[in-house]
Structure formats: C-alpha cells, structure tokens
Amino acid sequence: MISDYLKKYSTYYLSRYSVTKGKFEDILKKKITKDYLEKKISKDDYNIFNLEIKNVINYFSKIGVFNEKRLLELTFQNYVKKGYSKKKIKYKILNSKFNDSLIADFFRDELTNENLDELLIKNYLNRTRIIEKQKKLNISDKQLFDKMLIKLTNQGFNYENSRKILKKFIL
C-alpha cells in the first residue's frame, strides 16, 4: 500500500516531467529527506516512506508511466537538435540513469552513424551562430577556421572530424 503523501507527490511530479525509474527514485529520496530536514515529517514517517519507494516505483511501472526506450530516443533527438557532441550526449544520458543494457544497445546503434558528427557540428554552429558573429568582426577565413576549431574541440567534438566538417562550411 502506498501512502497518500508519496502518491500525491508522485502523481504531481510525473504529470509534469518524464523521468527514468532510477532518476525518479532519487527524486523521491530527495523529497523525503528535504521534508524530514524541514520537519514536515517525523523520523518514523521518514523511515516508512524510504521503505515505500520501491512500492511506488513498481506501482507506476505497472500502470505504464516509465517508457525508458521512448524517453531515451526523445532525449537523444533533443540533444542532437541542440548540437551536443557525442561525449556530452553520452554524459547526459548516463546521468539520467537509464537502464545500462538499454543505453549500451542504443549507443551501439545511434552513435556509429557516419553522418552524425556532421549533423551535430552543423546543429551546434547553427544554434550558437558563432560563424555569423565572427564574420561580423571581419576576421579572415583562416582565423575564423582556427577559432571555430578550438570552440568545437572545447565542446567535446573530435578534432579531425571537426577539421573536415569546418572545411566544408568555412574554407
């Protein structure tokens, strides 16, 4: 049986955000700890609620709230659209606490795409508008190329791939 306290908070949170099971477990633990430290709940309630977390996660899993495969795909597409590097995408996805086997399969399929690097760099350059800003400063193409290469490597993009792709855009 799930207490009203956890059920209300879980329903509220899950109606607003899409999260993984692992991330949701951490969120519930933080909420319980925060309320205990603010003296909203007693020590006994704190212990009971911590034991109930597994039941809450099982309850919401049974009703189909956690679709981690779909959430992983949407998260990846969002990061590609933002122009994050492969390293940054891996880091962000690992921090979201997806199922390890699901992540391994997904990375094997998606990150081996040959056109992905070009798409990521293109999206990054479009999102930040770095080339447009630098061209307004009347910088030569060689200097612009060097600046962009440094920025891309600082963002986690591969040096050689960045060089090849930037040659298409700048030189």
Protein backbone atom coordinates (compact mmCIF):
# COMPACT_ATOMS: atom_id res chain seq x y z
CA MET A 1 0.00 0.00 0.00
CA ILE A 2 1.29 3.42 -0.93
CA SER A 3 0.82 6.33 1.44
CA ASP A 4 -1.15 9.38 0.30
CA TYR A 5 1.92 11.56 0.84
CA LEU A 6 4.04 9.70 -1.73
CA LYS A 7 1.16 9.02 -4.10
CA LYS A 8 0.16 12.69 -4.31
CA TYR A 9 3.70 13.90 -4.80
CA SER A 10 4.50 11.17 -7.34
CA THR A 11 1.37 11.91 -9.35
CA TYR A 12 2.12 15.61 -9.31
CA TYR A 13 5.75 15.13 -10.36
CA LEU A 14 5.10 12.52 -13.04
CA SER A 15 2.32 14.62 -14.56
CA ARG A 16 4.87 17.38 -15.19
CA TYR A 17 8.10 15.54 -16.03
CA SER A 18 9.24 12.44 -17.90
CA VAL A 19 11.92 10.61 -15.95
CA THR A 20 13.51 7.19 -15.69
CA LYS A 21 12.93 4.82 -12.79
CA GLY A 22 16.39 5.46 -11.34
CA LYS A 23 16.04 9.23 -11.58
CA PHE A 24 12.55 9.11 -10.05
CA GLU A 25 13.84 7.04 -7.14
CA ASP A 26 16.49 9.71 -6.47
CA ILE A 27 13.86 12.46 -6.68
CA LEU A 28 11.63 10.71 -4.15
CA LYS A 29 14.56 10.20 -1.77
CA LYS A 30 15.49 13.88 -2.03
CA LYS A 31 11.88 14.94 -1.41
CA ILE A 32 11.56 12.75 1.68
CA THR A 33 14.90 13.90 3.05
CA LYS A 34 14.07 17.55 2.40
CA ASP A 35 10.71 17.27 4.14
CA TYR A 36 12.31 15.48 7.08
CA LEU A 37 15.01 18.14 7.45
CA GLU A 38 12.36 20.87 7.26
CA LYS A 39 10.47 18.98 9.99
CA LYS A 40 7.41 18.42 7.82
CA ILE A 41 7.53 14.69 8.57
CA SER A 42 8.67 12.77 11.65
CA LYS A 43 11.59 10.35 11.90
CA ASP A 44 9.20 7.38 11.85
CA ASP A 45 7.45 8.67 8.72
CA TYR A 46 10.83 9.30 7.12
CA ASN A 47 11.84 5.64 7.62
CA ILE A 48 8.46 4.34 6.43
CA PHE A 49 8.47 6.50 3.30
CA ASN A 50 12.01 5.41 2.41
CA LEU A 51 10.90 1.78 2.58
CA GLU A 52 7.86 2.56 0.42
CA ILE A 53 9.85 4.00 -2.51
CA LYS A 54 10.23 0.61 -4.22
CA ASN A 55 6.48 0.03 -3.99
CA VAL A 56 5.77 3.45 -5.51
CA ILE A 57 8.11 2.78 -8.42
CA ASN A 58 6.58 -0.67 -9.00
CA TYR A 59 3.07 0.82 -8.88
CA PHE A 60 3.83 3.46 -11.51
CA SER A 61 5.75 0.97 -13.63
CA LYS A 62 2.72 -1.33 -13.73
CA ILE A 63 0.47 1.46 -14.99
CA GLY A 64 3.00 2.27 -17.73
CA VAL A 65 4.46 5.60 -16.70
CA PHE A 66 8.09 4.69 -17.39
CA ASN A 67 8.73 4.06 -21.09
CA GLU A 68 12.51 4.34 -20.96
CA LYS A 69 13.16 3.29 -24.55
CA ARG A 70 10.95 6.06 -25.94
CA LEU A 71 12.31 8.57 -23.44
CA LEU A 72 15.86 7.67 -24.46
CA GLU A 73 15.04 8.23 -28.13
CA LEU A 74 13.42 11.60 -27.42
CA THR A 75 16.30 12.67 -25.20
CA PHE A 76 18.83 11.72 -27.86
CA GLN A 77 16.90 13.57 -30.58
CA ASN A 78 16.73 16.64 -28.37
CA TYR A 79 20.49 16.59 -27.75
CA VAL A 80 21.18 16.13 -31.47
CA LYS A 81 18.94 19.10 -32.24
CA LYS A 82 20.85 21.19 -29.71
CA GLY A 83 24.14 20.19 -31.33
CA TYR A 84 25.80 18.49 -28.37
CA SER A 85 28.93 16.45 -29.01
CA LYS A 86 28.88 12.66 -28.71
CA LYS A 87 30.79 12.89 -25.43
CA LYS A 88 28.29 15.34 -23.97
CA ILE A 89 25.36 13.23 -25.16
CA LYS A 90 26.83 10.12 -23.50
CA TYR A 91 27.46 12.02 -20.27
CA LYS A 92 23.96 13.50 -20.13
CA ILE A 93 22.26 10.19 -20.92
CA LEU A 94 24.33 8.31 -18.33
CA ASN A 95 23.37 10.92 -15.72
CA SER A 96 19.70 10.36 -16.50
CA LYS A 97 20.06 6.83 -15.07
CA PHE A 98 18.63 4.82 -17.93
CA ASN A 99 18.87 1.03 -17.88
CA ASP A 100 22.50 0.10 -18.66
CA SER A 101 21.70 -2.56 -21.26
CA LEU A 102 19.27 -0.19 -22.98
CA ILE A 103 21.97 2.51 -23.13
CA ALA A 104 24.58 0.11 -24.50
CA ASP A 105 22.27 -1.09 -27.29
CA PHE A 106 21.16 2.43 -28.12
CA PHE A 107 24.71 3.82 -28.26
CA ARG A 108 25.82 0.95 -30.45
CA ASP A 109 23.05 1.73 -32.93
CA GLU A 110 22.94 5.53 -32.89
CA LEU A 111 26.46 6.78 -32.20
CA THR A 112 28.03 4.75 -35.01
CA ASN A 113 26.12 6.70 -37.65
CA GLU A 114 28.66 8.24 -40.05
CA ASN A 115 26.67 11.41 -40.71
CA LEU A 116 26.01 12.06 -37.03
CA ASP A 117 29.21 14.07 -36.45
CA GLU A 118 28.44 16.39 -39.33
CA LEU A 119 24.85 16.84 -38.18
CA LEU A 120 25.92 17.56 -34.58
CA ILE A 121 28.51 20.13 -35.63
CA LYS A 122 26.11 21.76 -38.08
CA ASN A 123 23.41 21.99 -35.40
CA TYR A 124 25.91 23.39 -32.89
CA LEU A 125 27.09 26.07 -35.31
CA ASN A 126 23.51 26.99 -36.23
CA ARG A 127 22.36 27.11 -32.62
CA THR A 128 25.22 29.27 -31.38
CA ARG A 129 25.54 31.39 -34.57
CA ILE A 130 29.27 31.60 -33.95
CA ILE A 131 30.23 31.86 -37.60
CA GLU A 132 27.84 34.75 -38.20
CA LYS A 133 29.10 36.61 -35.14
CA GLN A 134 32.73 36.13 -36.10
CA LYS A 135 32.14 37.20 -39.71
CA LYS A 136 30.65 40.47 -38.47
CA LEU A 137 34.02 41.15 -36.85
CA ASN A 138 35.67 40.93 -40.30
CA ILE A 139 38.01 38.11 -39.32
CA SER A 140 39.86 36.28 -42.09
CA ASP A 141 38.71 32.78 -43.00
CA LYS A 142 41.90 31.24 -41.60
CA GLN A 143 41.43 32.93 -38.21
CA LEU A 144 37.75 32.06 -38.21
CA PHE A 145 38.59 28.45 -39.02
CA ASP A 146 41.09 28.27 -36.15
CA LYS A 147 38.66 29.86 -33.67
CA MET A 148 35.84 27.53 -34.65
CA LEU A 149 38.11 24.51 -34.43
CA ILE A 150 39.12 25.48 -30.88
CA LYS A 151 35.49 26.05 -29.87
CA LEU A 152 34.40 22.72 -31.29
CA THR A 153 37.16 20.77 -29.57
CA ASN A 154 36.34 22.55 -26.30
CA GLN A 155 32.75 21.40 -26.71
CA GLY A 156 33.91 17.77 -26.97
CA PHE A 157 33.89 17.24 -30.72
CA ASN A 158 36.60 15.14 -32.33
CA TYR A 159 39.45 17.30 -33.70
CA GLU A 160 39.86 15.53 -37.04
CA ASN A 161 36.14 15.33 -37.76
CA SER A 162 35.75 18.98 -36.82
CA ARG A 163 38.53 19.97 -39.22
CA LYS A 164 36.96 18.08 -42.10
CA ILE A 165 33.49 19.44 -41.50
CA LEU A 166 34.61 23.03 -40.91
CA LYS A 167 36.46 22.99 -44.23
CA LYS A 168 33.09 22.47 -45.91
CA PHE A 169 31.49 25.40 -44.10
CA ILE A 170 34.28 27.99 -43.96
CA LEU A 171 37.03 27.35 -46.47
